[in-house]
Amino acid sequence: MRVWWVVLSGLAAGCPSPSYPAREATPHVSQAQIVAEPAGLGHLDDRLIDFRFEGGQLELELYRQGSRITQVARNRYAVPVMLRWTISALDNATPASALEGVTLLPPAAQPLDLGESVILAELDHVDQSRRYTRTLDFRAKFGDPRASPTPYAYRLPYPTGLTFSVLQGFHGAFSHRGSNEYAVDFDCPVATPVVAARDGVVVAYNDAAQGSGTTPEFLDYKRTNFVLVLHDDGTLGEYMHLAPSGIVVKAGQRVGRGESLALSGNTGFSSTPHLHFQVMTATADAVMTRSFPFKLVVAPGRIEEPMQGQRYSAWE
């Protein structure tokens, strides 16, 4: 038996969000159907591993028992992931449940641990003497859309004694729209140390990307180096455009405010070396990420939103 997989995955954050065509139907927002033992669903027909970075991956599995086919997803990151999925182009199979949805995949206990399996959809295999085919499309975003920030004054994300300007602030005209509305870009040269603006746990990172540009292929999240730090309120601190092989932390590591994370760089959707920082989570539709406004402690007793063109000296 051959099972056809066609998977499209994307996560736009730290760069302009790609435009998606309007959908005719609103996806079914599914409640997680947790499966304690996926093997109880029958024979494993196929497993696809995708959305893979340091710290985890997503596993999409097909199980078959008699005529019943079950589509399962599992998150192996230590942070929730929102999944928007569609099953289409069925051949020799009929739907036994909704064929599209938006599902929150619960986190694993530790990076790369076996996360809980979630049933996405069920199909019926019509003629078991012939193969069945279908197409699976999905998009994934890090974070729980129910998360919201608690009041917190963030530190500047570079070491004490360094001074940099804000190249682009909140609502920046170049790329701070949509997913990146409340992001800030500091004009750090390549190889500037990057430190945690808030304490938390490193849940994912990428340090394998090379090169930069402003053409569409650089919108691919795999084309940029980043670190994601999960804060205690469930939001994520995202540090982007980092140097290749410049990350000095590991997934699962708890980092304190001011602790070294990486070296800045110029990777991904970028026109000049800089450090992009934002506080974010996934949106409820899993199409984009949602960024939140935040304030920085820019001097003793002085807390403010970062302003474009302003120079800030790290003092802590």
Protein backbone atom coordinates (compact mmCIF):
# COMPACT_ATOMS: atom_id res chain seq x y z
CA MET A 1 0.00 0.00 0.00
CA ARG A 2 1.29 3.43 -0.90
CA VAL A 3 0.24 6.57 0.92
CA TRP A 4 0.86 9.89 -0.76
CA TRP A 5 2.04 12.80 1.36
CA VAL A 6 2.08 16.39 0.16
CA VAL A 7 2.91 18.77 2.98
CA LEU A 8 3.28 22.51 2.94
CA SER A 9 4.59 24.05 6.13
CA GLY A 10 5.38 27.64 6.96
CA LEU A 11 5.97 29.93 9.87
CA ALA A 12 6.37 33.63 9.22
CA ALA A 13 7.89 35.56 12.08
CA GLY A 14 10.63 38.12 12.15
CA CYS A 15 9.95 39.01 8.51
CA PRO A 16 6.99 40.13 6.42
CA SER A 17 4.19 37.60 6.47
CA PRO A 18 3.51 36.01 3.08
CA SER A 19 0.09 36.62 1.60
CA TYR A 20 -2.25 33.64 1.61
CA PRO A 21 -5.26 33.33 -0.69
CA ALA A 22 -8.65 33.75 0.93
CA ARG A 23 -10.31 30.49 1.93
CA GLU A 24 -13.90 29.74 0.98
CA ALA A 25 -14.68 27.85 4.18
CA THR A 26 -13.77 28.47 7.79
CA PRO A 27 -11.73 25.52 9.13
CA HIS A 28 -13.16 23.43 11.89
CA VAL A 29 -11.46 24.31 15.18
CA SER A 30 -11.02 20.91 16.74
CA GLN A 31 -10.79 19.92 20.36
CA ALA A 32 -7.71 17.81 20.96
CA GLN A 33 -8.49 14.10 20.91
CA ILE A 34 -5.54 12.75 22.85
CA VAL A 35 -4.47 9.19 22.12
CA ALA A 36 -2.58 7.48 24.92
CA GLU A 37 -1.36 4.62 22.73
CA PRO A 38 -1.42 5.42 18.98
CA ALA A 39 -0.65 1.80 18.22
CA GLY A 40 -4.19 1.04 19.37
CA LEU A 41 -5.38 2.74 16.20
CA GLY A 42 -4.00 -0.12 14.15
CA HIS A 43 -1.10 -0.51 11.75
CA LEU A 44 1.21 2.46 11.15
CA ASP A 45 0.95 3.17 7.42
CA ASP A 46 3.31 6.13 7.28
CA ARG A 47 5.08 8.76 9.35
CA LEU A 48 6.17 12.19 8.18
CA ILE A 49 8.62 14.32 10.20
CA ASP A 50 8.49 18.04 9.39
CA PHE A 51 8.73 21.50 10.96
CA ARG A 52 12.04 20.39 12.44
CA PHE A 53 14.42 22.70 14.27
CA GLU A 54 16.77 22.22 17.21
CA GLY A 55 14.51 21.38 20.15
CA GLY A 56 11.83 19.36 18.43
CA GLN A 57 9.78 18.44 15.40
CA LEU A 58 6.25 17.58 14.34
CA GLU A 59 5.31 13.99 13.48
CA LEU A 60 2.26 13.30 11.32
CA GLU A 61 1.24 9.65 11.26
CA LEU A 62 -1.35 7.55 9.47
CA TYR A 63 -2.78 4.48 11.20
CA ARG A 64 -5.08 1.93 9.58
CA GLN A 65 -7.30 -0.62 11.27
CA GLY A 66 -9.65 -2.50 8.94
CA SER A 67 -11.26 0.16 6.77
CA ARG A 68 -10.63 3.03 9.23
CA ILE A 69 -7.73 5.41 8.53
CA THR A 70 -6.70 7.84 11.27
CA GLN A 71 -4.57 10.95 10.83
CA VAL A 72 -2.55 11.70 13.97
CA ALA A 73 -0.17 14.58 14.84
CA ARG A 74 2.40 14.77 17.62
CA ASN A 75 4.42 17.75 18.86
CA ARG A 76 7.90 17.02 20.20
CA TYR A 77 8.70 20.61 21.21
CA ALA A 78 8.48 21.69 24.85
CA VAL A 79 6.10 24.47 23.78
CA PRO A 80 2.58 24.26 22.31
CA VAL A 81 2.28 24.42 18.52
CA MET A 82 -0.78 25.56 16.59
CA LEU A 83 -1.49 23.47 13.51
CA ARG A 84 -3.74 24.48 10.61
CA TRP A 85 -4.36 21.48 8.37
CA THR A 86 -6.38 20.38 5.36
CA ILE A 87 -6.88 16.94 3.83
CA SER A 88 -7.90 16.91 0.17
CA ALA A 89 -7.69 15.00 -3.12
CA LEU A 90 -9.06 11.77 -1.65
CA ASP A 91 -8.86 8.70 -3.84
CA ASN A 92 -10.36 5.40 -2.68
CA ALA A 93 -11.12 7.00 0.69
CA THR A 94 -14.09 8.88 2.08
CA PRO A 95 -14.20 11.31 5.02
CA ALA A 96 -15.46 10.09 8.39
CA SER A 97 -14.80 13.47 10.07
CA ALA A 98 -13.96 17.06 9.16
CA LEU A 99 -11.24 17.36 6.51
CA GLU A 100 -9.75 20.60 7.78
CA GLY A 101 -9.17 22.17 11.13
CA VAL A 102 -7.05 24.19 13.51
CA THR A 103 -5.62 22.20 16.39
CA LEU A 104 -3.48 23.10 19.39
CA LEU A 105 -0.82 20.42 19.81
CA PRO A 106 0.20 20.11 23.49
CA PRO A 107 3.90 20.37 24.35
CA ALA A 108 6.24 17.54 25.18
CA ALA A 109 7.59 17.44 28.73
CA GLN A 110 11.12 18.06 27.46
CA PRO A 111 12.59 18.88 24.04
CA LEU A 112 12.28 15.87 21.71
CA ASP A 113 10.30 13.85 24.25
CA LEU A 114 7.33 11.90 22.93
CA GLY A 115 4.49 14.40 23.03
CA GLU A 116 0.88 13.31 23.27
CA SER A 117 -0.66 12.16 19.99
CA VAL A 118 -3.70 14.08 18.75
CA ILE A 119 -6.25 12.73 16.27
CA LEU A 120 -6.82 15.21 13.46
CA ALA A 121 -9.17 13.31 11.14
CA GLU A 122 -10.56 9.91 10.20
CA LEU A 123 -11.17 8.42 6.76
CA ASP A 124 -12.72 5.20 5.48
CA HIS A 125 -10.74 3.05 3.05
CA VAL A 126 -13.30 2.15 0.36
CA ASP A 127 -11.70 -0.74 -1.55
CA GLN A 128 -9.07 -2.38 0.63
CA SER A 129 -7.63 -4.27 -2.33
CA ARG A 130 -6.41 -0.99 -3.79
CA ARG A 131 -4.19 1.73 -2.39
CA TYR A 132 -5.70 4.97 -1.11
CA THR A 133 -4.27 8.45 -1.57
CA ARG A 134 -4.87 11.86 -0.13
CA THR A 135 -3.11 15.21 0.15
CA LEU A 136 -2.26 16.77 3.52
CA ASP A 137 -1.39 20.47 3.76
CA PHE A 138 -0.46 22.18 7.00
CA ARG A 139 0.98 25.32 8.54
CA ALA A 140 2.43 25.41 12.03
CA LYS A 141 3.16 28.22 14.48
CA PHE A 142 4.93 28.14 17.85
CA GLY A 143 2.96 29.18 20.91
CA ASP A 144 -0.41 28.97 22.60
CA PRO A 145 -2.86 31.62 21.30
CA ARG A 146 -4.39 31.85 24.77
CA ALA A 147 -1.14 33.25 26.17
CA SER A 148 -1.01 36.93 27.00
CA PRO A 149 1.84 38.93 28.51
CA THR A 150 1.98 39.89 32.16
CA PRO A 151 3.46 43.33 32.95
CA TYR A 152 7.23 43.12 32.59
CA ALA A 153 10.05 45.57 31.89
CA TYR A 154 12.50 43.92 29.49
CA ARG A 155 16.22 44.60 29.44
CA LEU A 156 18.09 45.59 26.30
CA PRO A 157 19.11 42.37 24.50
CA TYR A 158 22.83 43.12 24.28
CA PRO A 159 25.62 43.37 26.87
CA THR A 160 26.25 46.20 29.29
CA GLY A 161 28.26 49.03 27.79
CA LEU A 162 27.10 48.60 24.18
CA THR A 163 24.98 51.23 22.46
CA PHE A 164 22.83 50.70 19.37
CA SER A 165 20.08 52.52 17.50
CA VAL A 166 16.63 51.20 16.73
CA LEU A 167 16.52 50.73 12.97
CA GLN A 168 12.83 49.83 12.96
CA GLY A 169 10.36 50.02 15.79
CA PHE A 170 6.73 49.10 16.34
CA HIS A 171 4.67 49.40 13.12
CA GLY A 172 7.87 49.87 11.09
CA ALA A 173 7.18 50.56 7.41
CA PHE A 174 9.72 48.07 6.01
CA SER A 175 8.51 44.84 7.59
CA HIS A 176 6.87 45.40 10.99
CA ARG A 177 3.32 44.63 9.98
CA GLY A 178 1.09 41.64 10.65
CA SER A 179 3.07 39.02 12.57
CA ASN A 180 5.81 41.52 13.40
CA GLU A 181 3.74 44.59 14.30
CA TYR A 182 5.38 45.01 17.72
CA ALA A 183 8.94 44.00 16.84
CA VAL A 184 12.08 46.07 17.23
CA ASP A 185 15.29 45.93 15.15
CA PHE A 186 18.60 47.04 16.67
CA ASP A 187 21.47 47.97 14.34
CA CYS A 188 23.89 45.48 15.89
CA PRO A 189 26.82 44.54 13.64
CA VAL A 190 27.48 40.88 12.92
CA ALA A 191 28.86 38.93 15.91
CA THR A 192 27.43 41.23 18.60
CA PRO A 193 26.59 39.15 21.69
CA VAL A 194 22.84 38.72 22.19
CA VAL A 195 21.52 38.31 25.74
CA ALA A 196 18.14 37.32 27.15
CA ALA A 197 15.79 40.28 27.64
CA ARG A 198 13.78 38.18 30.10
CA ASP A 199 14.37 34.88 31.84
CA GLY A 200 12.76 31.72 30.49
CA VAL A 201 13.41 28.37 28.83
CA VAL A 202 14.95 27.91 25.39
CA VAL A 203 12.44 25.80 23.44
CA ALA A 204 13.69 25.98 19.84
CA TYR A 205 16.47 27.44 17.76
CA ASN A 206 18.07 27.34 14.33
CA ASP A 207 21.72 28.09 13.62
CA ALA A 208 22.16 26.41 10.22
CA ALA A 209 20.93 29.21 7.94
CA GLN A 210 23.32 31.05 5.66
CA GLY A 211 22.83 34.26 3.72
CA SER A 212 20.21 36.96 3.59
CA GLY A 213 18.04 38.84 1.13
CA THR A 214 14.68 40.49 0.60
CA THR A 215 13.33 38.20 -2.12
CA PRO A 216 10.46 35.79 -1.33
CA GLU A 217 12.60 32.71 -0.74
CA PHE A 218 14.07 34.36 2.36
CA LEU A 219 10.62 34.43 3.96
CA ASP A 220 11.06 30.72 4.67
CA TYR A 221 11.58 30.39 8.42
CA LYS A 222 14.36 27.85 7.78
CA ARG A 223 16.36 30.57 6.04
CA THR A 224 16.92 32.54 9.25
CA ASN A 225 18.71 31.76 12.51
CA PHE A 226 16.68 32.33 15.66
CA VAL A 227 16.26 31.51 19.34
CA LEU A 228 12.84 31.14 21.01
CA VAL A 229 12.62 31.57 24.78
CA LEU A 230 9.41 30.56 26.56
CA HIS A 231 8.52 33.04 29.32
CA ASP A 232 6.67 32.15 32.50
CA ASP A 233 3.49 33.85 31.20
CA GLY A 234 3.42 31.59 28.12
CA THR A 235 4.64 34.20 25.64
CA LEU A 236 7.78 33.69 23.57
CA GLY A 237 10.78 35.95 23.21
CA GLU A 238 12.01 35.70 19.63
CA TYR A 239 15.57 36.71 18.70
CA MET A 240 16.19 36.60 14.94
CA HIS A 241 18.69 37.01 12.07
CA LEU A 242 21.44 35.47 14.21
CA ALA A 243 24.88 34.42 12.98
CA PRO A 244 25.40 30.89 11.61
CA SER A 245 26.67 28.52 14.32
CA GLY A 246 26.50 31.44 16.75
CA ILE A 247 23.98 30.10 19.27
CA VAL A 248 25.46 29.27 22.67
CA VAL A 249 22.41 27.78 24.44
CA LYS A 250 20.61 24.45 24.11
CA ALA A 251 16.95 23.55 23.90
CA GLY A 252 15.56 22.92 27.38
CA GLN A 253 18.08 25.23 29.03
CA ARG A 254 16.71 27.82 31.45
CA VAL A 255 18.32 31.20 30.92
CA GLY A 256 18.33 34.21 33.18
CA ARG A 257 17.83 37.85 32.27
CA GLY A 258 21.08 39.07 30.71
CA GLU A 259 22.45 35.57 30.00
CA SER A 260 24.18 35.03 26.65
CA LEU A 261 22.09 33.41 23.91
CA ALA A 262 23.87 33.88 20.60
CA LEU A 263 25.73 36.22 18.26
CA SER A 264 23.82 38.61 16.05
CA GLY A 265 24.04 38.25 12.29
CA ASN A 266 22.38 38.90 8.98
CA THR A 267 20.42 35.78 8.00
CA GLY A 268 16.97 35.37 6.51
CA PHE A 269 14.73 38.21 5.33
CA SER A 270 17.11 41.06 6.03
CA SER A 271 18.68 43.95 4.16
CA THR A 272 21.41 44.75 6.70
CA PRO A 273 22.95 43.21 9.84
CA HIS A 274 20.66 43.68 12.83
CA LEU A 275 18.99 42.01 15.80
CA HIS A 276 15.23 41.51 15.63
CA PHE A 277 13.41 41.01 18.95
CA GLN A 278 9.74 40.59 19.70
CA VAL A 279 7.36 39.05 22.25
CA MET A 280 4.88 36.78 20.50
CA THR A 281 2.70 33.68 20.31
CA ALA A 282 0.61 31.92 17.64
CA THR A 283 -2.68 33.31 16.41
CA ALA A 284 -5.82 31.24 16.92
CA ASP A 285 -6.10 30.51 13.20
CA ALA A 286 -2.45 29.35 12.98
CA VAL A 287 -1.90 31.48 9.88
CA MET A 288 0.29 34.11 11.54
CA THR A 289 1.94 34.93 14.83
CA ARG A 290 0.74 37.64 17.19
CA SER A 291 3.27 40.07 18.61
CA PHE A 292 2.70 42.14 21.75
CA PRO A 293 3.84 45.65 22.67
CA PHE A 294 6.51 45.69 25.37
CA LYS A 295 8.66 48.15 27.30
CA LEU A 296 12.41 48.26 27.92
CA VAL A 297 14.36 49.41 30.95
CA VAL A 298 16.57 51.83 29.00
CA ALA A 299 18.17 53.52 32.03
CA PRO A 300 17.87 53.32 35.82
CA GLY A 301 14.28 54.22 36.65
CA ARG A 302 13.42 54.81 32.97
CA ILE A 303 11.05 52.40 31.24
CA GLU A 304 9.66 53.06 27.77
CA GLU A 305 8.61 51.53 24.49
CA PRO A 306 11.52 51.35 22.02
CA MET A 307 11.46 54.31 19.62
CA GLN A 308 12.71 54.17 16.05
CA GLY A 309 15.91 56.21 15.62
CA GLN A 310 16.62 56.30 19.35
CA ARG A 311 20.02 55.09 20.61
CA TYR A 312 20.01 52.92 23.72
CA SER A 313 22.96 52.00 25.93
CA ALA A 314 22.73 48.74 27.85
CA TRP A 315 23.44 49.49 31.50
CA GLU A 316 22.34 46.47 33.58
